PDB file of N, CA and C in Angstrom:
ATOM      1  N   MET A   1       0.828  -1.200   0.000  1.00  0.00           N
ATOM      2  CA  MET A   1       0.000   0.000   0.000  1.00  0.00           C
ATOM      3  C   MET A   1       0.867   1.257   0.000  1.00  0.00           C
ATOM      4  N   ASP A   2       2.011   1.198   0.682  1.00  0.00           N
ATOM      5  CA  ASP A   2       2.846   2.387   0.793  1.00  0.00           C
ATOM      6  C   ASP A   2       3.305   2.889  -0.578  1.00  0.00           C
ATOM      7  N   ARG A   3       3.743   1.973  -1.450  1.00  0.00           N
ATOM      8  CA  ARG A   3       4.186   2.379  -2.789  1.00  0.00           C
ATOM      9  C   ARG A   3       3.020   2.931  -3.599  1.00  0.00           C
ATOM     10  N   SER A   4       1.885   2.256  -3.558  1.00  0.00           N
ATOM     11  CA  SER A   4       0.711   2.729  -4.306  1.00  0.00           C
ATOM     12  C   SER A   4       0.298   4.117  -3.826  1.00  0.00           C
ATOM     13  N   LYS A   5       0.293   4.318  -2.519  1.00  0.00           N
ATOM     14  CA  LYS A   5      -0.051   5.621  -1.962  1.00  0.00           C
ATOM     15  C   LYS A   5       0.944   6.681  -2.425  1.00  0.00           C
ATOM     16  N   ALA A   6       2.231   6.348  -2.402  1.00  0.00           N
ATOM     17  CA  ALA A   6       3.250   7.307  -2.848  1.00  0.00           C
ATOM     18  C   ALA A   6       3.021   7.706  -4.305  1.00  0.00           C
ATOM     19  N   ILE A   7       2.719   6.738  -5.152  1.00  0.00           N
ATOM     20  CA  ILE A   7       2.500   7.024  -6.574  1.00  0.00           C
ATOM     21  C   ILE A   7       1.247   7.867  -6.776  1.00  0.00           C
ATOM     22  N   PHE A   8       0.145   7.481  -6.162  1.00  0.00           N
ATOM     23  CA  PHE A   8      -1.103   8.231  -6.343  1.00  0.00           C
ATOM     24  C   PHE A   8      -1.000   9.627  -5.734  1.00  0.00           C
ATOM     25  N   ASP A   9      -0.338   9.753  -4.570  1.00  0.00           N
ATOM     26  CA  ASP A   9      -0.138  11.083  -3.981  1.00  0.00           C
ATOM     27  C   ASP A   9       0.703  11.961  -4.911  1.00  0.00           C
ATOM     28  N   TRP A  10       1.715  11.374  -5.530  1.00  0.00           N
ATOM     29  CA  TRP A  10       2.572  12.106  -6.463  1.00  0.00           C
ATOM     30  C   TRP A  10       1.762  12.580  -7.669  1.00  0.00           C
ATOM     31  N   ILE A  11       1.104  11.660  -8.355  1.00  0.00           N
ATOM     32  CA  ILE A  11       0.418  12.004  -9.598  1.00  0.00           C
ATOM     33  C   ILE A  11      -0.805  12.884  -9.351  1.00  0.00           C
ATOM     34  N   PHE A  12      -1.655  12.496  -8.431  1.00  0.00           N
ATOM     35  CA  PHE A  12      -2.869  13.265  -8.183  1.00  0.00           C
ATOM     36  C   PHE A  12      -2.598  14.504  -7.341  1.00  0.00           C
ATOM     37  N   GLY A  13      -1.414  14.589  -6.751  1.00  0.00           N
ATOM     38  CA  GLY A  13      -1.025  15.785  -6.015  1.00  0.00           C
ATOM     39  C   GLY A  13      -0.590  16.920  -6.928  1.00  0.00           C
ATOM     40  N   ILE A  14      -0.254  16.588  -8.160  1.00  0.00           N
ATOM     41  CA  ILE A  14       0.118  17.622  -9.128  1.00  0.00           C
ATOM     42  C   ILE A  14      -1.137  18.439  -9.416  1.00  0.00           C
ATOM     43  N   GLY A  15      -1.117  19.663  -9.051  1.00  0.00           N
ATOM     44  CA  GLY A  15      -2.281  20.523  -9.238  1.00  0.00           C
ATOM     45  C   GLY A  15      -3.173  20.584  -8.016  1.00  0.00           C
ATOM     46  N   GLY A  16      -3.037  19.623  -7.102  1.00  0.00           N
ATOM     47  CA  GLY A  16      -3.749  19.636  -5.835  1.00  0.00           C
ATOM     48  C   GLY A  16      -5.260  19.689  -5.918  1.00  0.00           C
ATOM     49  N   GLN A  17      -5.856  18.999  -6.872  1.00  0.00           N
ATOM     50  CA  GLN A  17      -7.305  19.079  -7.063  1.00  0.00           C
ATOM     51  C   GLN A  17      -8.061  17.885  -6.496  1.00  0.00           C
ATOM     52  N   TYR A  18      -7.371  16.914  -5.902  1.00  0.00           N
ATOM     53  CA  TYR A  18      -8.035  15.684  -5.483  1.00  0.00           C
ATOM     54  C   TYR A  18      -7.789  15.406  -4.008  1.00  0.00           C
ATOM     55  N   GLU A  19      -8.769  14.783  -3.382  1.00  0.00           N
ATOM     56  CA  GLU A  19      -8.622  14.240  -2.042  1.00  0.00           C
ATOM     57  C   GLU A  19      -8.743  12.731  -2.193  1.00  0.00           C
ATOM     58  N   LEU A  20      -7.699  12.013  -1.834  1.00  0.00           N
ATOM     59  CA  LEU A  20      -7.673  10.571  -2.027  1.00  0.00           C
ATOM     60  C   LEU A  20      -7.825   9.841  -0.702  1.00  0.00           C
ATOM     61  N   PHE A  21      -8.452   8.675  -0.770  1.00  0.00           N
ATOM     62  CA  PHE A  21      -8.610   7.798   0.380  1.00  0.00           C
ATOM     63  C   PHE A  21      -8.062   6.433  -0.014  1.00  0.00           C
ATOM     64  N   TYR A  22      -7.412   5.763   0.918  1.00  0.00           N
ATOM     65  CA  TYR A  22      -6.756   4.495   0.611  1.00  0.00           C
ATOM     66  C   TYR A  22      -7.305   3.379   1.490  1.00  0.00           C
ATOM     67  N   PHE A  23      -7.493   2.213   0.886  1.00  0.00           N
ATOM     68  CA  PHE A  23      -7.945   1.024   1.590  1.00  0.00           C
ATOM     69  C   PHE A  23      -7.021  -0.117   1.204  1.00  0.00           C
ATOM     70  N   ALA A  24      -6.363  -0.702   2.181  1.00  0.00           N
ATOM     71  CA  ALA A  24      -5.424  -1.799   1.924  1.00  0.00           C
ATOM     72  C   ALA A  24      -6.153  -3.132   1.952  1.00  0.00           C
ATOM     73  N   SER A  25      -5.624  -4.090   1.218  1.00  0.00           N
ATOM     74  CA  SER A  25      -6.147  -5.455   1.272  1.00  0.00           C
ATOM     75  C   SER A  25      -5.149  -6.320   2.035  1.00  0.00           C
ATOM     76  N   LYS A  26      -5.600  -7.453   2.498  1.00  0.00           N
ATOM     77  CA  LYS A  26      -4.758  -8.363   3.263  1.00  0.00           C
ATOM     78  C   LYS A  26      -3.836  -9.140   2.322  1.00  0.00           C
ATOM     79  N   ASP A  27      -2.688  -9.533   2.862  1.00  0.00           N
ATOM     80  CA  ASP A  27      -1.740 -10.373   2.130  1.00  0.00           C
ATOM     81  C   ASP A  27      -2.137 -11.828   2.360  1.00  0.00           C
ATOM     82  N   VAL A  28      -2.933 -12.362   1.471  1.00  0.00           N
ATOM     83  CA  VAL A  28      -3.454 -13.718   1.613  1.00  0.00           C
ATOM     84  C   VAL A  28      -2.822 -14.616   0.551  1.00  0.00           C
ATOM     85  N   GLY A  29      -2.392 -15.791   0.963  1.00  0.00           N
ATOM     86  CA  GLY A  29      -1.930 -16.789   0.011  1.00  0.00           C
ATOM     87  C   GLY A  29      -0.477 -16.666  -0.407  1.00  0.00           C
ATOM     88  N   LEU A  30       0.278 -15.806   0.238  1.00  0.00           N
ATOM     89  CA  LEU A  30       1.694 -15.657  -0.102  1.00  0.00           C
ATOM     90  C   LEU A  30       2.555 -16.276   0.998  1.00  0.00           C
ATOM     91  N   SER A  31       3.651 -16.871   0.606  1.00  0.00           N
ATOM     92  CA  SER A  31       4.574 -17.444   1.586  1.00  0.00           C
ATOM     93  C   SER A  31       5.266 -16.315   2.348  1.00  0.00           C
ATOM     94  N   GLY A  32       5.834 -16.653   3.485  1.00  0.00           N
ATOM     95  CA  GLY A  32       6.590 -15.667   4.254  1.00  0.00           C
ATOM     96  C   GLY A  32       7.742 -15.094   3.458  1.00  0.00           C
ATOM     97  N   GLU A  33       8.406 -15.942   2.673  1.00  0.00           N
ATOM     98  CA  GLU A  33       9.518 -15.491   1.833  1.00  0.00           C
ATOM     99  C   GLU A  33       9.028 -14.499   0.773  1.00  0.00           C
ATOM    100  N   ALA A  34       7.903 -14.807   0.155  1.00  0.00           N
ATOM    101  CA  ALA A  34       7.353 -13.916  -0.865  1.00  0.00           C
ATOM    102  C   ALA A  34       6.909 -12.596  -0.256  1.00  0.00           C
ATOM    103  N   LEU A  35       6.275 -12.654   0.914  1.00  0.00           N
ATOM    104  CA  LEU A  35       5.852 -11.413   1.579  1.00  0.00           C
ATOM    105  C   LEU A  35       7.041 -10.533   1.928  1.00  0.00           C
ATOM    106  N   GLU A  36       8.104 -11.131   2.436  1.00  0.00           N
ATOM    107  CA  GLU A  36       9.284 -10.348   2.801  1.00  0.00           C
ATOM    108  C   GLU A  36       9.947  -9.758   1.565  1.00  0.00           C
ATOM    109  N   ALA A  37      10.057 -10.540   0.493  1.00  0.00           N
ATOM    110  CA  ALA A  37      10.646 -10.032  -0.746  1.00  0.00           C
ATOM    111  C   ALA A  37       9.832  -8.857  -1.265  1.00  0.00           C
ATOM    112  N   ARG A  38       8.521  -8.989  -1.225  1.00  0.00           N
ATOM    113  CA  ARG A  38       7.658  -7.907  -1.693  1.00  0.00           C
ATOM    114  C   ARG A  38       7.782  -6.690  -0.785  1.00  0.00           C
ATOM    115  N   ARG A  39       7.818  -6.898   0.530  1.00  0.00           N
ATOM    116  CA  ARG A  39       7.930  -5.785   1.478  1.00  0.00           C
ATOM    117  C   ARG A  39       9.195  -4.973   1.211  1.00  0.00           C
ATOM    118  N   VAL A  40      10.309  -5.659   1.037  1.00  0.00           N
ATOM    119  CA  VAL A  40      11.583  -4.973   0.773  1.00  0.00           C
ATOM    120  C   VAL A  40      11.504  -4.188  -0.537  1.00  0.00           C
ATOM    121  N   HIS A  41      11.016  -4.835  -1.585  1.00  0.00           N
ATOM    122  CA  HIS A  41      10.913  -4.195  -2.903  1.00  0.00           C
ATOM    123  C   HIS A  41       9.977  -2.987  -2.868  1.00  0.00           C
ATOM    124  N   GLU A  42       8.813  -3.149  -2.268  1.00  0.00           N
ATOM    125  CA  GLU A  42       7.825  -2.072  -2.216  1.00  0.00           C
ATOM    126  C   GLU A  42       8.322  -0.892  -1.381  1.00  0.00           C
ATOM    127  N   THR A  43       9.020  -1.169  -0.294  1.00  0.00           N
ATOM    128  CA  THR A  43       9.568  -0.094   0.543  1.00  0.00           C
ATOM    129  C   THR A  43      10.591   0.721  -0.235  1.00  0.00           C
ATOM    130  N   LYS A  44      11.493   0.047  -0.922  1.00  0.00           N
ATOM    131  CA  LYS A  44      12.488   0.753  -1.751  1.00  0.00           C
ATOM    132  C   LYS A  44      11.804   1.584  -2.833  1.00  0.00           C
ATOM    133  N   SER A  45      10.790   1.009  -3.463  1.00  0.00           N
ATOM    134  CA  SER A  45      10.079   1.714  -4.530  1.00  0.00           C
ATOM    135  C   SER A  45       9.361   2.955  -4.007  1.00  0.00           C
ATOM    136  N   ALA A  46       8.728   2.856  -2.843  1.00  0.00           N
ATOM    137  CA  ALA A  46       8.025   4.005  -2.264  1.00  0.00           C
ATOM    138  C   ALA A  46       9.006   5.132  -1.959  1.00  0.00           C
ATOM    139  N   ILE A  47      10.169   4.786  -1.446  1.00  0.00           N
ATOM    140  CA  ILE A  47      11.194   5.799  -1.160  1.00  0.00           C
ATOM    141  C   ILE A  47      11.660   6.453  -2.454  1.00  0.00           C
ATOM    142  N   THR A  48      11.856   5.662  -3.493  1.00  0.00           N
ATOM    143  CA  THR A  48      12.271   6.208  -4.795  1.00  0.00           C
ATOM    144  C   THR A  48      11.240   7.193  -5.324  1.00  0.00           C
ATOM    145  N   VAL A  49       9.969   6.835  -5.218  1.00  0.00           N
ATOM    146  CA  VAL A  49       8.909   7.725  -5.701  1.00  0.00           C
ATOM    147  C   VAL A  49       8.936   9.039  -4.936  1.00  0.00           C
ATOM    148  N   ARG A  50       8.943   8.962  -3.597  1.00  0.00           N
ATOM    149  CA  ARG A  50       8.876  10.179  -2.776  1.00  0.00           C
ATOM    150  C   ARG A  50      10.132  11.048  -2.878  1.00  0.00           C
ATOM    151  N   ASP A  51      11.305  10.402  -2.838  1.00  0.00           N
ATOM    152  CA  ASP A  51      12.554  11.159  -2.745  1.00  0.00           C
ATOM    153  C   ASP A  51      13.150  11.548  -4.093  1.00  0.00           C
ATOM    154  N   ASN A  52      12.851  10.786  -5.131  1.00  0.00           N
ATOM    155  CA  ASN A  52      13.485  11.041  -6.426  1.00  0.00           C
ATOM    156  C   ASN A  52      12.491  11.449  -7.520  1.00  0.00           C
ATOM    157  N   LEU A  53      11.501  10.609  -7.755  1.00  0.00           N
ATOM    158  CA  LEU A  53      10.616  10.846  -8.896  1.00  0.00           C
ATOM    159  C   LEU A  53       9.706  12.049  -8.705  1.00  0.00           C
ATOM    160  N   ALA A  54       9.016  12.125  -7.577  1.00  0.00           N
ATOM    161  CA  ALA A  54       8.064  13.229  -7.369  1.00  0.00           C
ATOM    162  C   ALA A  54       8.738  14.593  -7.452  1.00  0.00           C
ATOM    163  N   PRO A  55       9.889  14.791  -6.803  1.00  0.00           N
ATOM    164  CA  PRO A  55      10.529  16.106  -6.939  1.00  0.00           C
ATOM    165  C   PRO A  55      11.063  16.389  -8.350  1.00  0.00           C
ATOM    166  N   GLN A  56      11.546  15.341  -9.014  1.00  0.00           N
ATOM    167  CA  GLN A  56      12.151  15.519 -10.335  1.00  0.00           C
ATOM    168  C   GLN A  56      11.108  15.722 -11.438  1.00  0.00           C
ATOM    169  N   PHE A  57       9.976  15.031 -11.331  1.00  0.00           N
ATOM    170  CA  PHE A  57       8.931  15.098 -12.354  1.00  0.00           C
ATOM    171  C   PHE A  57       7.669  15.658 -11.705  1.00  0.00           C
ATOM    172  N   SER A  58       7.568  16.963 -11.665  1.00  0.00           N
ATOM    173  CA  SER A  58       6.529  17.620 -10.864  1.00  0.00           C
ATOM    174  C   SER A  58       5.387  18.213 -11.689  1.00  0.00           C
ATOM    175  N   THR A  59       5.366  17.923 -12.988  1.00  0.00           N
ATOM    176  CA  THR A  59       4.246  18.338 -13.832  1.00  0.00           C
ATOM    177  C   THR A  59       3.769  17.103 -14.598  1.00  0.00           C
ATOM    178  N   LEU A  60       2.528  17.115 -15.035  1.00  0.00           N
ATOM    179  CA  LEU A  60       2.032  15.960 -15.789  1.00  0.00           C
ATOM    180  C   LEU A  60       2.806  15.732 -17.088  1.00  0.00           C
ATOM    181  N   PRO A  61       3.180  16.773 -17.834  1.00  0.00           N
ATOM    182  CA  PRO A  61       4.009  16.520 -19.016  1.00  0.00           C
ATOM    183  C   PRO A  61       5.362  15.883 -18.661  1.00  0.00           C
ATOM    184  N   ALA A  62       5.938  16.276 -17.533  1.00  0.00           N
ATOM    185  CA  ALA A  62       7.208  15.679 -17.112  1.00  0.00           C
ATOM    186  C   ALA A  62       7.019  14.211 -16.732  1.00  0.00           C
ATOM    187  N   VAL A  63       5.920  13.899 -16.058  1.00  0.00           N
ATOM    188  CA  VAL A  63       5.623  12.507 -15.709  1.00  0.00           C
ATOM    189  C   VAL A  63       5.433  11.692 -16.983  1.00  0.00           C
ATOM    190  N   TRP A  64       4.683  12.213 -17.924  1.00  0.00           N
ATOM    191  CA  TRP A  64       4.464  11.521 -19.185  1.00  0.00           C
ATOM    192  C   TRP A  64       5.800  11.237 -19.874  1.00  0.00           C
ATOM    193  N   GLY A  65       6.670  12.241 -19.922  1.00  0.00           N
ATOM    194  CA  GLY A  65       7.981  12.052 -20.528  1.00  0.00           C
ATOM    195  C   GLY A  65       8.784  10.970 -19.827  1.00  0.00           C
ATOM    196  N   PHE A  66       8.744  10.969 -18.506  1.00  0.00           N
ATOM    197  CA  PHE A  66       9.441   9.936 -17.736  1.00  0.00           C
ATOM    198  C   PHE A  66       8.912   8.547 -18.090  1.00  0.00           C
ATOM    199  N   LEU A  67       7.597   8.399 -18.103  1.00  0.00           N
ATOM    200  CA  LEU A  67       7.018   7.085 -18.405  1.00  0.00           C
ATOM    201  C   LEU A  67       7.332   6.629 -19.826  1.00  0.00           C
ATOM    202  N   MET A  68       7.285   7.539 -20.771  1.00  0.00           N
ATOM    203  CA  MET A  68       7.507   7.168 -22.172  1.00  0.00           C
ATOM    204  C   MET A  68       8.976   6.933 -22.499  1.00  0.00           C
ATOM    205  N   GLU A  69       9.869   7.598 -21.784  1.00  0.00           N
ATOM    206  CA  GLU A  69      11.278   7.553 -22.168  1.00  0.00           C
ATOM    207  C   GLU A  69      12.202   6.844 -21.184  1.00  0.00           C
ATOM    208  N   LYS A  70      11.847   6.789 -19.905  1.00  0.00           N
ATOM    209  CA  LYS A  70      12.818   6.324 -18.916  1.00  0.00           C
ATOM    210  C   LYS A  70      12.369   5.165 -18.035  1.00  0.00           C
ATOM    211  N   HIS A  71      11.095   5.015 -17.765  1.00  0.00           N
ATOM    212  CA  HIS A  71      10.635   3.999 -16.822  1.00  0.00           C
ATOM    213  C   HIS A  71      10.902   2.596 -17.363  1.00  0.00           C
ATOM    214  N   ASP A  72      11.455   1.725 -16.515  1.00  0.00           N
ATOM    215  CA  ASP A  72      11.854   0.381 -16.940  1.00  0.00           C
ATOM    216  C   ASP A  72      10.711  -0.457 -17.509  1.00  0.00           C
ATOM    217  N   LEU A  73       9.515  -0.318 -16.982  1.00  0.00           N
ATOM    218  CA  LEU A  73       8.426  -1.184 -17.430  1.00  0.00           C
ATOM    219  C   LEU A  73       7.485  -0.545 -18.430  1.00  0.00           C
ATOM    220  N   TYR A  74       7.533   0.766 -18.574  1.00  0.00           N
ATOM    221  CA  TYR A  74       6.551   1.431 -19.413  1.00  0.00           C
ATOM    222  C   TYR A  74       7.126   2.188 -20.597  1.00  0.00           C
ATOM    223  N   SER A  75       8.428   2.420 -20.617  1.00  0.00           N
ATOM    224  CA  SER A  75       8.971   3.225 -21.693  1.00  0.00           C
ATOM    225  C   SER A  75       8.752   2.523 -23.029  1.00  0.00           C
ATOM    226  N   ALA A  76       8.337   3.289 -23.992  1.00  0.00           N
ATOM    227  CA  ALA A  76       7.986   2.734 -25.297  1.00  0.00           C
ATOM    228  C   ALA A  76       9.149   1.974 -25.928  1.00  0.00           C
ATOM    229  N   SER A  77      10.346   2.528 -25.850  1.00  0.00           N
ATOM    230  CA  SER A  77      11.482   1.863 -26.492  1.00  0.00           C
ATOM    231  C   SER A  77      11.791   0.532 -25.831  1.00  0.00           C
ATOM    232  N   LYS A  78      11.652   0.444 -24.522  1.00  0.00           N
ATOM    233  CA  LYS A  78      11.941  -0.816 -23.836  1.00  0.00           C
ATOM    234  C   LYS A  78      10.851  -1.841 -24.083  1.00  0.00           C
ATOM    235  N   LEU A  79       9.624  -1.410 -24.224  1.00  0.00           N
ATOM    236  CA  LEU A  79       8.557  -2.349 -24.561  1.00  0.00           C
ATOM    237  C   LEU A  79       8.777  -2.929 -25.948  1.00  0.00           C
ATOM    238  N   ILE A  80       9.163  -2.082 -26.878  1.00  0.00           N
ATOM    239  CA  ILE A  80       9.403  -2.527 -28.247  1.00  0.00           C
ATOM    240  C   ILE A  80      10.593  -3.473 -28.292  1.00  0.00           C
ATOM    241  N   ASP A  81      11.646  -3.148 -27.545  1.00  0.00           N
ATOM    242  CA  ASP A  81      12.847  -3.977 -27.529  1.00  0.00           C
ATOM    243  C   ASP A  81      12.641  -5.296 -26.802  1.00  0.00           C
ATOM    244  N   GLY A  82      11.571  -5.394 -26.022  1.00  0.00           N
ATOM    245  CA  GLY A  82      11.337  -6.625 -25.278  1.00  0.00           C
ATOM    246  C   GLY A  82      12.258  -6.785 -24.090  1.00  0.00           C
ATOM    247  N   THR A  83      12.737  -5.677 -23.566  1.00  0.00           N
ATOM    248  CA  THR A  83      13.684  -5.743 -22.451  1.00  0.00           C
ATOM    249  C   THR A  83      13.025  -5.482 -21.112  1.00  0.00           C
ATOM    250  N   THR A  84      11.734  -5.648 -21.014  1.00  0.00           N
ATOM    251  CA  THR A  84      11.042  -5.356 -19.763  1.00  0.00           C
ATOM    252  C   THR A  84      10.917  -6.605 -18.902  1.00  0.00           C
ATOM    253  N   ASN A  85      12.016  -7.320 -18.707  1.00  0.00           N
ATOM    254  CA  ASN A  85      11.980  -8.487 -17.829  1.00  0.00           C
ATOM    255  C   ASN A  85      12.136  -8.046 -16.381  1.00  0.00           C
ATOM    256  N   ALA A  86      12.335  -8.983 -15.501  1.00  0.00           N
ATOM    257  CA  ALA A  86      12.373  -8.679 -14.075  1.00  0.00           C
ATOM    258  C   ALA A  86      13.730  -8.144 -13.629  1.00  0.00           C
ATOM    259  N   HIS A  87      14.641  -7.889 -14.532  1.00  0.00           N
ATOM    260  CA  HIS A  87      15.943  -7.290 -14.230  1.00  0.00           C
ATOM    261  C   HIS A  87      16.655  -7.990 -13.082  1.00  0.00           C
ATOM    262  N   GLY A  88      16.672  -9.318 -13.113  1.00  0.00           N
ATOM    263  CA  GLY A  88      17.426 -10.073 -12.136  1.00  0.00           C
ATOM    264  C   GLY A  88      16.763 -10.191 -10.771  1.00  0.00           C
ATOM    265  N   ARG A  89      15.534  -9.783 -10.629  1.00  0.00           N
ATOM    266  CA  ARG A  89      14.865  -9.898  -9.337  1.00  0.00           C
ATOM    267  C   ARG A  89      14.686 -11.366  -8.990  1.00  0.00           C
ATOM    268  N   ASP A  90      14.660 -11.658  -7.693  1.00  0.00           N
ATOM    269  CA  ASP A  90      14.601 -13.048  -7.276  1.00  0.00           C
ATOM    270  C   ASP A  90      13.228 -13.674  -7.503  1.00  0.00           C
ATOM    271  N   ASP A  91      13.208 -14.991  -7.504  1.00  0.00           N
ATOM    272  CA  ASP A  91      11.982 -15.736  -7.789  1.00  0.00           C
ATOM    273  C   ASP A  91      10.889 -15.463  -6.764  1.00  0.00           C
ATOM    274  N   ALA A  92      11.243 -15.279  -5.482  1.00  0.00           N
ATOM    275  CA  ALA A  92      10.222 -15.027  -4.462  1.00  0.00           C
ATOM    276  C   ALA A  92       9.484 -13.726  -4.751  1.00  0.00           C
ATOM    277  N   LEU A  93      10.223 -12.708  -5.150  1.00  0.00           N
ATOM    278  CA  LEU A  93       9.586 -11.431  -5.469  1.00  0.00           C
ATOM    279  C   LEU A  93       8.698 -11.582  -6.691  1.00  0.00           C
ATOM    280  N   LYS A  94       9.213 -12.205  -7.739  1.00  0.00           N
ATOM    281  CA  LYS A  94       8.411 -12.400  -8.945  1.00  0.00           C
ATOM    282  C   LYS A  94       7.153 -13.217  -8.634  1.00  0.00           C
ATOM    283  N   ALA A  95       7.282 -14.259  -7.814  1.00  0.00           N
ATOM    284  CA  ALA A  95       6.137 -15.093  -7.460  1.00  0.00           C
ATOM    285  C   ALA A  95       5.095 -14.294  -6.683  1.00  0.00           C
ATOM    286  N   SER A  96       5.550 -13.332  -5.868  1.00  0.00           N
ATOM    287  CA  SER A  96       4.607 -12.546  -5.080  1.00  0.00           C
ATOM    288  C   SER A  96       3.709 -11.680  -5.963  1.00  0.00           C
ATOM    289  N   TYR A  97       4.126 -11.453  -7.203  1.00  0.00           N
ATOM    290  CA  TYR A  97       3.321 -10.705  -8.160  1.00  0.00           C
ATOM    291  C   TYR A  97       2.659 -11.632  -9.181  1.00  0.00           C
ATOM    292  N   GLY A  98       2.761 -12.934  -8.984  1.00  0.00           N
ATOM    293  CA  GLY A  98       2.074 -13.884  -9.835  1.00  0.00           C
ATOM    294  C   GLY A  98       2.884 -14.458 -10.978  1.00  0.00           C
ATOM    295  N   ALA A  99       4.177 -14.145 -11.052  1.00  0.00           N
ATOM    296  CA  ALA A  99       5.007 -14.658 -12.142  1.00  0.00           C
ATOM    297  C   ALA A  99       5.491 -16.073 -11.834  1.00  0.00           C
ATOM    298  N   SER A 100       5.775 -16.813 -12.868  1.00  0.00           N
ATOM    299  CA  SER A 100       6.352 -18.151 -12.708  1.00  0.00           C
ATOM    300  C   SER A 100       7.829 -18.023 -12.362  1.00  0.00           C
ATOM    301  N   PRO A 101       8.360 -18.952 -11.582  1.00  0.00           N
ATOM    302  CA  PRO A 101       9.789 -18.909 -11.259  1.00  0.00           C
ATOM    303  C   PRO A 101      10.645 -19.029 -12.512  1.00  0.00           C
ATOM    304  N   SER A 102      11.859 -18.498 -12.440  1.00  0.00           N
ATOM    305  CA  SER A 102      12.805 -18.608 -13.553  1.00  0.00           C
ATOM    306  C   SER A 102      13.209 -20.053 -13.742  1.00  0.00           C
ATOM    307  N   LYS A 103      13.524 -20.377 -14.971  1.00  0.00           N
ATOM    308  CA  LYS A 103      13.988 -21.752 -15.242  1.00  0.00           C
ATOM    309  C   LYS A 103      15.432 -21.735 -15.591  1.00  0.00           C
TER     310      LYS A 103
END
């Protein structure tokens, strides 16, 4: 929830026209290893959003440019190149998001 909140606060905070409310869901059906891998990853991501991305990309056109040109999972060039893999992330983390383990 922390990462999602950071992202929505960043994007919908641009212009300050929205009041957002957040509701978390329970972590059901994940192993302890998967939960811990996800917790570590999500915590790092939330910090990146708050400390780096939000200050650097503070207008909607800047956010759009970041997503289209620089973001690992969404940039158009990386999608076309087919390079949007898990970038060496461990199997527990990938499994926590529903991916099959590496072979």
